[in-house]
Amino acid sequence: MATANEILAVARKELGYKESPAGSNRTKYGAWFGLNGQPWCMMFIQWVFSQAGAESLLAARTASCGALMRAAQAAGCWVTGNYQPGDVVIYDFPGNSVKTDHCGIVITQLIDGVRAIEGNTGTGNDANGGQVMERTRPDRYILGAVRPHYDKEEVKMDNNIPDSYAAEAVKWAQENKIIQGDASGSLQLHQPCTVQKVVVLLWRFAKLLGRA
């Protein structure tokens, strides 16, 4: 069928795609689905799963966030916490649980939300912004998520590539020699941090401040 990693790989290739002309809701995803010119966040997700040969992993073929949510609830593949990579998350803006507004494919769960790849979003227009982007959303906007029955495989993360929200901080830490990597050159960005590693990081930071 497909793995979560394969779904995310397809979605990542679409980052930066924009509807044309701006404000038209006209995209290749809408043309493929047969509803070109209509809001397309869910059509983007349907297209991604189709490209991975995994349309059957979604609970319904639909352009509606609400319809997919209800189908997932009926099928027993709806979750409301502990979100995992590849989950199809459904949002409600402004967080009053009145209606479904938007959706995305989870990259990772954060302390107080998720990082996801979303279609038809943009700065200043969360749910109809015309672009495929990575977005960070707080828990208060999340109604829940569809959890497809993926083939078993952990999403592989490159230990030298930070998540986008941490990229600037990681670059600073490298430039100031706070993080230097192991003997093989790996920065170990996605690995557990032992007490020893924490102490070394603090010591390097103290040296940067001239206090060690």
C-alpha atoms as a PDB file:
ATOM      1  CA  MET A   1       0.000   0.000   0.000  1.00  0.00           C
ATOM      2  CA  ALA A   2       2.066   2.946   1.275  1.00  0.00           C
ATOM      3  CA  THR A   3       3.963   4.189   4.281  1.00  0.00           C
ATOM      4  CA  ALA A   4       3.658   7.520   6.065  1.00  0.00           C
ATOM      5  CA  ASN A   5       7.167   8.312   4.862  1.00  0.00           C
ATOM      6  CA  GLU A   6       6.116   7.823   1.231  1.00  0.00           C
ATOM      7  CA  ILE A   7       3.088  10.091   1.661  1.00  0.00           C
ATOM      8  CA  LEU A   8       5.229  12.821   3.230  1.00  0.00           C
ATOM      9  CA  ALA A   9       7.826  12.487   0.459  1.00  0.00           C
ATOM     10  CA  VAL A  10       5.158  13.206  -2.168  1.00  0.00           C
ATOM     11  CA  ALA A  11       3.766  16.124  -0.159  1.00  0.00           C
ATOM     12  CA  ARG A  12       7.203  17.701   0.402  1.00  0.00           C
ATOM     13  CA  LYS A  13       7.838  17.822  -3.347  1.00  0.00           C
ATOM     14  CA  GLU A  14       4.807  20.106  -3.658  1.00  0.00           C
ATOM     15  CA  LEU A  15       6.039  22.726  -1.165  1.00  0.00           C
ATOM     16  CA  GLY A  16       5.959  26.159  -2.777  1.00  0.00           C
ATOM     17  CA  TYR A  17       3.312  25.274  -5.371  1.00  0.00           C
ATOM     18  CA  LYS A  18       0.850  28.164  -5.906  1.00  0.00           C
ATOM     19  CA  GLU A  19      -2.560  28.414  -7.509  1.00  0.00           C
ATOM     20  CA  SER A  20      -2.614  30.378 -10.760  1.00  0.00           C
ATOM     21  CA  PRO A  21      -3.786  33.045 -11.105  1.00  0.00           C
ATOM     22  CA  ALA A  22      -3.618  34.112  -7.477  1.00  0.00           C
ATOM     23  CA  GLY A  23      -6.989  34.094  -5.777  1.00  0.00           C
ATOM     24  CA  SER A  24      -8.547  31.780  -8.361  1.00  0.00           C
ATOM     25  CA  ASN A  25      -8.341  28.432  -6.533  1.00  0.00           C
ATOM     26  CA  ARG A  26      -7.211  26.983  -9.866  1.00  0.00           C
ATOM     27  CA  THR A  27      -4.616  24.230  -9.402  1.00  0.00           C
ATOM     28  CA  LYS A  28      -3.506  20.926 -10.827  1.00  0.00           C
ATOM     29  CA  TYR A  29      -5.082  19.283  -7.778  1.00  0.00           C
ATOM     30  CA  GLY A  30      -8.499  20.749  -8.533  1.00  0.00           C
ATOM     31  CA  ALA A  31      -8.178  19.872 -12.216  1.00  0.00           C
ATOM     32  CA  TRP A  32      -7.312  16.285 -11.276  1.00  0.00           C
ATOM     33  CA  PHE A  33     -10.205  16.020  -8.813  1.00  0.00           C
ATOM     34  CA  GLY A  34     -12.727  17.629 -11.155  1.00  0.00           C
ATOM     35  CA  LEU A  35     -13.513  20.703  -9.039  1.00  0.00           C
ATOM     36  CA  ASN A  36     -10.996  23.222 -10.326  1.00  0.00           C
ATOM     37  CA  GLY A  37     -11.608  26.718  -9.021  1.00  0.00           C
ATOM     38  CA  GLN A  38     -12.897  25.504  -5.655  1.00  0.00           C
ATOM     39  CA  PRO A  39     -11.074  25.603  -2.264  1.00  0.00           C
ATOM     40  CA  TRP A  40      -8.485  22.881  -2.577  1.00  0.00           C
ATOM     41  CA  CYS A  41      -6.843  21.966   0.733  1.00  0.00           C
ATOM     42  CA  MET A  42      -8.546  18.551   0.817  1.00  0.00           C
ATOM     43  CA  MET A  43      -8.110  17.997  -2.914  1.00  0.00           C
ATOM     44  CA  PHE A  44      -4.376  18.483  -2.378  1.00  0.00           C
ATOM     45  CA  ILE A  45      -4.394  15.694   0.218  1.00  0.00           C
ATOM     46  CA  GLN A  46      -6.445  13.408  -2.011  1.00  0.00           C
ATOM     47  CA  TRP A  47      -3.974  14.068  -4.855  1.00  0.00           C
ATOM     48  CA  VAL A  48      -0.951  13.291  -2.637  1.00  0.00           C
ATOM     49  CA  PHE A  49      -2.402   9.945  -1.587  1.00  0.00           C
ATOM     50  CA  SER A  50      -3.282   9.148  -5.208  1.00  0.00           C
ATOM     51  CA  GLN A  51       0.264   9.884  -6.371  1.00  0.00           C
ATOM     52  CA  ALA A  52       1.530   7.426  -3.741  1.00  0.00           C
ATOM     53  CA  GLY A  53      -0.948   4.792  -4.918  1.00  0.00           C
ATOM     54  CA  ALA A  54      -2.718   4.999  -1.581  1.00  0.00           C
ATOM     55  CA  GLU A  55      -6.141   6.561  -2.206  1.00  0.00           C
ATOM     56  CA  SER A  56      -7.770   3.618  -0.455  1.00  0.00           C
ATOM     57  CA  LEU A  57      -6.033   4.578   2.810  1.00  0.00           C
ATOM     58  CA  LEU A  58      -8.313   7.597   3.182  1.00  0.00           C
ATOM     59  CA  ALA A  59     -11.784   7.038   4.605  1.00  0.00           C
ATOM     60  CA  ALA A  60     -13.488   8.755   1.648  1.00  0.00           C
ATOM     61  CA  ARG A  61     -12.797  10.410  -1.700  1.00  0.00           C
ATOM     62  CA  THR A  62     -14.016  13.908  -1.010  1.00  0.00           C
ATOM     63  CA  ALA A  63     -13.103  17.572  -1.296  1.00  0.00           C
ATOM     64  CA  SER A  64     -14.706  18.301   2.078  1.00  0.00           C
ATOM     65  CA  CYS A  65     -12.795  18.328   5.370  1.00  0.00           C
ATOM     66  CA  GLY A  66     -16.023  17.672   7.263  1.00  0.00           C
ATOM     67  CA  ALA A  67     -16.994  14.740   5.053  1.00  0.00           C
ATOM     68  CA  LEU A  68     -13.600  13.099   5.529  1.00  0.00           C
ATOM     69  CA  MET A  69     -13.797  13.624   9.291  1.00  0.00           C
ATOM     70  CA  ARG A  70     -17.228  12.001   9.504  1.00  0.00           C
ATOM     71  CA  ALA A  71     -16.163   9.106   7.272  1.00  0.00           C
ATOM     72  CA  ALA A  72     -13.086   8.514   9.434  1.00  0.00           C
ATOM     73  CA  GLN A  73     -15.163   8.579  12.598  1.00  0.00           C
ATOM     74  CA  ALA A  74     -17.538   6.013  11.105  1.00  0.00           C
ATOM     75  CA  ALA A  75     -14.624   3.849   9.963  1.00  0.00           C
ATOM     76  CA  GLY A  76     -12.897   3.931  13.356  1.00  0.00           C
ATOM     77  CA  CYS A  77      -9.751   5.681  12.092  1.00  0.00           C
ATOM     78  CA  TRP A  78     -10.306   9.056  13.791  1.00  0.00           C
ATOM     79  CA  VAL A  79      -7.942  10.160  16.581  1.00  0.00           C
ATOM     80  CA  THR A  80      -7.948  13.229  18.823  1.00  0.00           C
ATOM     81  CA  GLY A  81      -4.423  13.225  20.216  1.00  0.00           C
ATOM     82  CA  ASN A  82      -0.926  11.756  20.046  1.00  0.00           C
ATOM     83  CA  TYR A  83      -0.697  12.762  16.393  1.00  0.00           C
ATOM     84  CA  GLN A  84       1.748  10.874  14.214  1.00  0.00           C
ATOM     85  CA  PRO A  85       3.547  11.601  10.932  1.00  0.00           C
ATOM     86  CA  GLY A  86       1.172  10.973   8.047  1.00  0.00           C
ATOM     87  CA  ASP A  87      -2.027  11.668   9.998  1.00  0.00           C
ATOM     88  CA  VAL A  88      -4.471  13.862   8.080  1.00  0.00           C
ATOM     89  CA  VAL A  89      -5.277  16.583  10.585  1.00  0.00           C
ATOM     90  CA  ILE A  90      -8.510  18.591  10.454  1.00  0.00           C
ATOM     91  CA  TYR A  91      -8.618  22.155  11.763  1.00  0.00           C
ATOM     92  CA  ASP A  92     -11.300  24.506  12.991  1.00  0.00           C
ATOM     93  CA  PHE A  93     -10.540  28.233  12.904  1.00  0.00           C
ATOM     94  CA  PRO A  94     -10.745  30.092  15.227  1.00  0.00           C
ATOM     95  CA  GLY A  95     -10.947  27.069  17.505  1.00  0.00           C
ATOM     96  CA  ASN A  96     -14.604  27.073  18.516  1.00  0.00           C
ATOM     97  CA  SER A  97     -15.347  23.554  17.212  1.00  0.00           C
ATOM     98  CA  VAL A  98     -18.291  24.835  15.187  1.00  0.00           C
ATOM     99  CA  LYS A  99     -17.130  23.697  11.755  1.00  0.00           C
ATOM    100  CA  THR A 100     -14.222  22.236   9.821  1.00  0.00           C
ATOM    101  CA  ASP A 101     -12.108  24.795   7.980  1.00  0.00           C
ATOM    102  CA  HIS A 102      -8.845  23.306   6.814  1.00  0.00           C
ATOM    103  CA  CYS A 103      -6.567  20.256   6.779  1.00  0.00           C
ATOM    104  CA  GLY A 104      -2.970  19.103   6.471  1.00  0.00           C
ATOM    105  CA  ILE A 105      -0.640  16.106   6.640  1.00  0.00           C
ATOM    106  CA  VAL A 106       1.198  15.889   9.942  1.00  0.00           C
ATOM    107  CA  ILE A 107       4.990  16.011   9.847  1.00  0.00           C
ATOM    108  CA  THR A 108       5.482  15.912  13.602  1.00  0.00           C
ATOM    109  CA  GLN A 109       3.656  16.563  16.847  1.00  0.00           C
ATOM    110  CA  LEU A 110       4.948  19.475  18.908  1.00  0.00           C
ATOM    111  CA  ILE A 111       4.557  20.190  22.615  1.00  0.00           C
ATOM    112  CA  ASP A 112       1.426  22.250  22.010  1.00  0.00           C
ATOM    113  CA  GLY A 113       0.394  21.502  18.429  1.00  0.00           C
ATOM    114  CA  VAL A 114       1.549  20.012  15.133  1.00  0.00           C
ATOM    115  CA  ARG A 115       3.743  20.837  12.171  1.00  0.00           C
ATOM    116  CA  ALA A 116       2.011  19.869   8.921  1.00  0.00           C
ATOM    117  CA  ILE A 117       2.151  20.213   5.141  1.00  0.00           C
ATOM    118  CA  GLU A 118      -0.975  22.007   3.954  1.00  0.00           C
ATOM    119  CA  GLY A 119      -2.457  22.973   0.623  1.00  0.00           C
ATOM    120  CA  ASN A 120      -4.253  26.277  -0.004  1.00  0.00           C
ATOM    121  CA  THR A 121      -2.705  28.153   2.886  1.00  0.00           C
ATOM    122  CA  GLY A 122      -0.623  31.284   3.210  1.00  0.00           C
ATOM    123  CA  THR A 123       0.595  33.972   5.541  1.00  0.00           C
ATOM    124  CA  GLY A 124      -2.431  36.041   6.489  1.00  0.00           C
ATOM    125  CA  ASN A 125      -4.918  33.560   5.059  1.00  0.00           C
ATOM    126  CA  ASP A 126      -4.659  30.241   6.864  1.00  0.00           C
ATOM    127  CA  ALA A 127      -7.431  28.351   5.059  1.00  0.00           C
ATOM    128  CA  ASN A 128      -7.507  29.857   1.541  1.00  0.00           C
ATOM    129  CA  GLY A 129      -4.044  31.250   0.961  1.00  0.00           C
ATOM    130  CA  GLY A 130      -3.271  29.663  -2.387  1.00  0.00           C
ATOM    131  CA  GLN A 131      -0.003  27.854  -1.644  1.00  0.00           C
ATOM    132  CA  VAL A 132       1.421  24.559  -0.381  1.00  0.00           C
ATOM    133  CA  MET A 133       3.378  25.276   2.788  1.00  0.00           C
ATOM    134  CA  GLU A 134       4.597  23.841   6.056  1.00  0.00           C
ATOM    135  CA  ARG A 135       2.585  25.361   8.890  1.00  0.00           C
ATOM    136  CA  THR A 136       2.665  25.102  12.679  1.00  0.00           C
ATOM    137  CA  ARG A 137      -0.760  24.966  14.362  1.00  0.00           C
ATOM    138  CA  PRO A 138      -1.623  25.063  18.071  1.00  0.00           C
ATOM    139  CA  ASP A 139      -3.781  22.381  19.681  1.00  0.00           C
ATOM    140  CA  ARG A 140      -6.748  24.731  20.046  1.00  0.00           C
ATOM    141  CA  TYR A 141      -7.312  24.648  16.265  1.00  0.00           C
ATOM    142  CA  ILE A 142      -7.166  20.846  15.937  1.00  0.00           C
ATOM    143  CA  LEU A 143     -10.419  18.875  15.862  1.00  0.00           C
ATOM    144  CA  GLY A 144      -8.615  15.574  15.339  1.00  0.00           C
ATOM    145  CA  ALA A 145      -7.050  13.545  12.558  1.00  0.00           C
ATOM    146  CA  VAL A 146      -7.611  10.668  10.192  1.00  0.00           C
ATOM    147  CA  ARG A 147      -5.101   7.918  10.882  1.00  0.00           C
ATOM    148  CA  PRO A 148      -4.611   5.849   7.712  1.00  0.00           C
ATOM    149  CA  HIS A 149      -3.614   2.196   8.105  1.00  0.00           C
ATOM    150  CA  TYR A 150      -0.136   2.621   6.653  1.00  0.00           C
ATOM    151  CA  ASP A 151       2.308  -0.146   5.951  1.00  0.00           C
ATOM    152  CA  LYS A 152       4.583  -0.411   8.945  1.00  0.00           C
ATOM    153  CA  GLU A 153       7.629   1.801   8.623  1.00  0.00           C
ATOM    154  CA  GLU A 154       8.966   4.565  10.799  1.00  0.00           C
ATOM    155  CA  VAL A 155       9.297   7.951   9.185  1.00  0.00           C
ATOM    156  CA  LYS A 156      13.043   8.338   8.722  1.00  0.00           C
ATOM    157  CA  MET A 157      14.588  11.604   9.781  1.00  0.00           C
ATOM    158  CA  ASP A 158      17.964  12.899   8.663  1.00  0.00           C
ATOM    159  CA  ASN A 159      19.931  13.704  11.820  1.00  0.00           C
ATOM    160  CA  ASN A 160      21.676  16.573  10.029  1.00  0.00           C
ATOM    161  CA  ILE A 161      18.492  18.289   8.812  1.00  0.00           C
ATOM    162  CA  PRO A 162      16.465  20.211  11.424  1.00  0.00           C
ATOM    163  CA  ASP A 163      12.712  20.672  11.317  1.00  0.00           C
ATOM    164  CA  SER A 164      11.917  24.050   9.780  1.00  0.00           C
ATOM    165  CA  TYR A 165      10.902  25.625  13.102  1.00  0.00           C
ATOM    166  CA  ALA A 166      14.383  24.848  14.530  1.00  0.00           C
ATOM    167  CA  ALA A 167      16.491  25.644  11.470  1.00  0.00           C
ATOM    168  CA  GLU A 168      17.573  29.149  12.522  1.00  0.00           C
ATOM    169  CA  ALA A 169      18.496  28.025  16.043  1.00  0.00           C
ATOM    170  CA  VAL A 170      20.448  25.027  14.760  1.00  0.00           C
ATOM    171  CA  LYS A 171      22.364  27.232  12.318  1.00  0.00           C
ATOM    172  CA  TRP A 172      23.272  29.606  15.179  1.00  0.00           C
ATOM    173  CA  ALA A 173      24.368  26.708  17.401  1.00  0.00           C
ATOM    174  CA  GLN A 174      26.593  25.320  14.639  1.00  0.00           C
ATOM    175  CA  GLU A 175      28.150  28.696  13.864  1.00  0.00           C
ATOM    176  CA  ASN A 176      28.962  29.183  17.536  1.00  0.00           C
ATOM    177  CA  LYS A 177      30.203  25.599  17.972  1.00  0.00           C
ATOM    178  CA  ILE A 178      27.520  24.718  20.513  1.00  0.00           C
ATOM    179  CA  ILE A 179      26.676  21.610  18.492  1.00  0.00           C
ATOM    180  CA  GLN A 180      29.508  19.965  16.594  1.00  0.00           C
ATOM    181  CA  GLY A 181      28.329  16.457  15.725  1.00  0.00           C
ATOM    182  CA  ASP A 182      29.728  13.063  16.578  1.00  0.00           C
ATOM    183  CA  ALA A 183      32.782  11.300  15.171  1.00  0.00           C
ATOM    184  CA  SER A 184      30.890  10.425  11.970  1.00  0.00           C
ATOM    185  CA  GLY A 185      29.791  14.028  11.460  1.00  0.00           C
ATOM    186  CA  SER A 186      26.162  13.457  12.427  1.00  0.00           C
ATOM    187  CA  LEU A 187      24.558  16.301  14.388  1.00  0.00           C
ATOM    188  CA  GLN A 188      22.193  13.799  16.070  1.00  0.00           C
ATOM    189  CA  LEU A 189      19.348  16.326  15.814  1.00  0.00           C
ATOM    190  CA  HIS A 190      16.565  13.780  16.172  1.00  0.00           C
ATOM    191  CA  GLN A 191      18.202  11.569  18.793  1.00  0.00           C
ATOM    192  CA  PRO A 192      17.530  11.459  22.559  1.00  0.00           C
ATOM    193  CA  CYS A 193      19.718  13.809  24.593  1.00  0.00           C
ATOM    194  CA  THR A 194      21.541  12.283  27.580  1.00  0.00           C
ATOM    195  CA  VAL A 195      22.593  14.217  30.684  1.00  0.00           C
ATOM    196  CA  GLN A 196      26.184  14.121  29.433  1.00  0.00           C
ATOM    197  CA  LYS A 197      25.186  15.733  26.146  1.00  0.00           C
ATOM    198  CA  VAL A 198      23.217  18.434  27.968  1.00  0.00           C
ATOM    199  CA  VAL A 199      26.229  19.204  30.170  1.00  0.00           C
ATOM    200  CA  VAL A 200      28.520  19.463  27.140  1.00  0.00           C
ATOM    201  CA  LEU A 201      26.096  21.837  25.403  1.00  0.00           C
ATOM    202  CA  LEU A 202      25.865  24.004  28.512  1.00  0.00           C
ATOM    203  CA  TRP A 203      29.655  24.025  28.867  1.00  0.00           C
ATOM    204  CA  ARG A 204      30.106  25.120  25.248  1.00  0.00           C
ATOM    205  CA  PHE A 205      27.536  27.872  25.749  1.00  0.00           C
ATOM    206  CA  ALA A 206      29.349  29.023  28.886  1.00  0.00           C
ATOM    207  CA  LYS A 207      32.588  29.176  26.880  1.00  0.00           C
ATOM    208  CA  LEU A 208      30.816  31.308  24.291  1.00  0.00           C
ATOM    209  CA  LEU A 209      29.877  33.722  27.078  1.00  0.00           C
ATOM    210  CA  GLY A 210      33.419  33.677  28.459  1.00  0.00           C
ATOM    211  CA  ARG A 211      32.360  31.987  31.670  1.00  0.00           C
ATOM    212  CA  ALA A 212      34.114  28.621  31.312  1.00  0.00           C
END
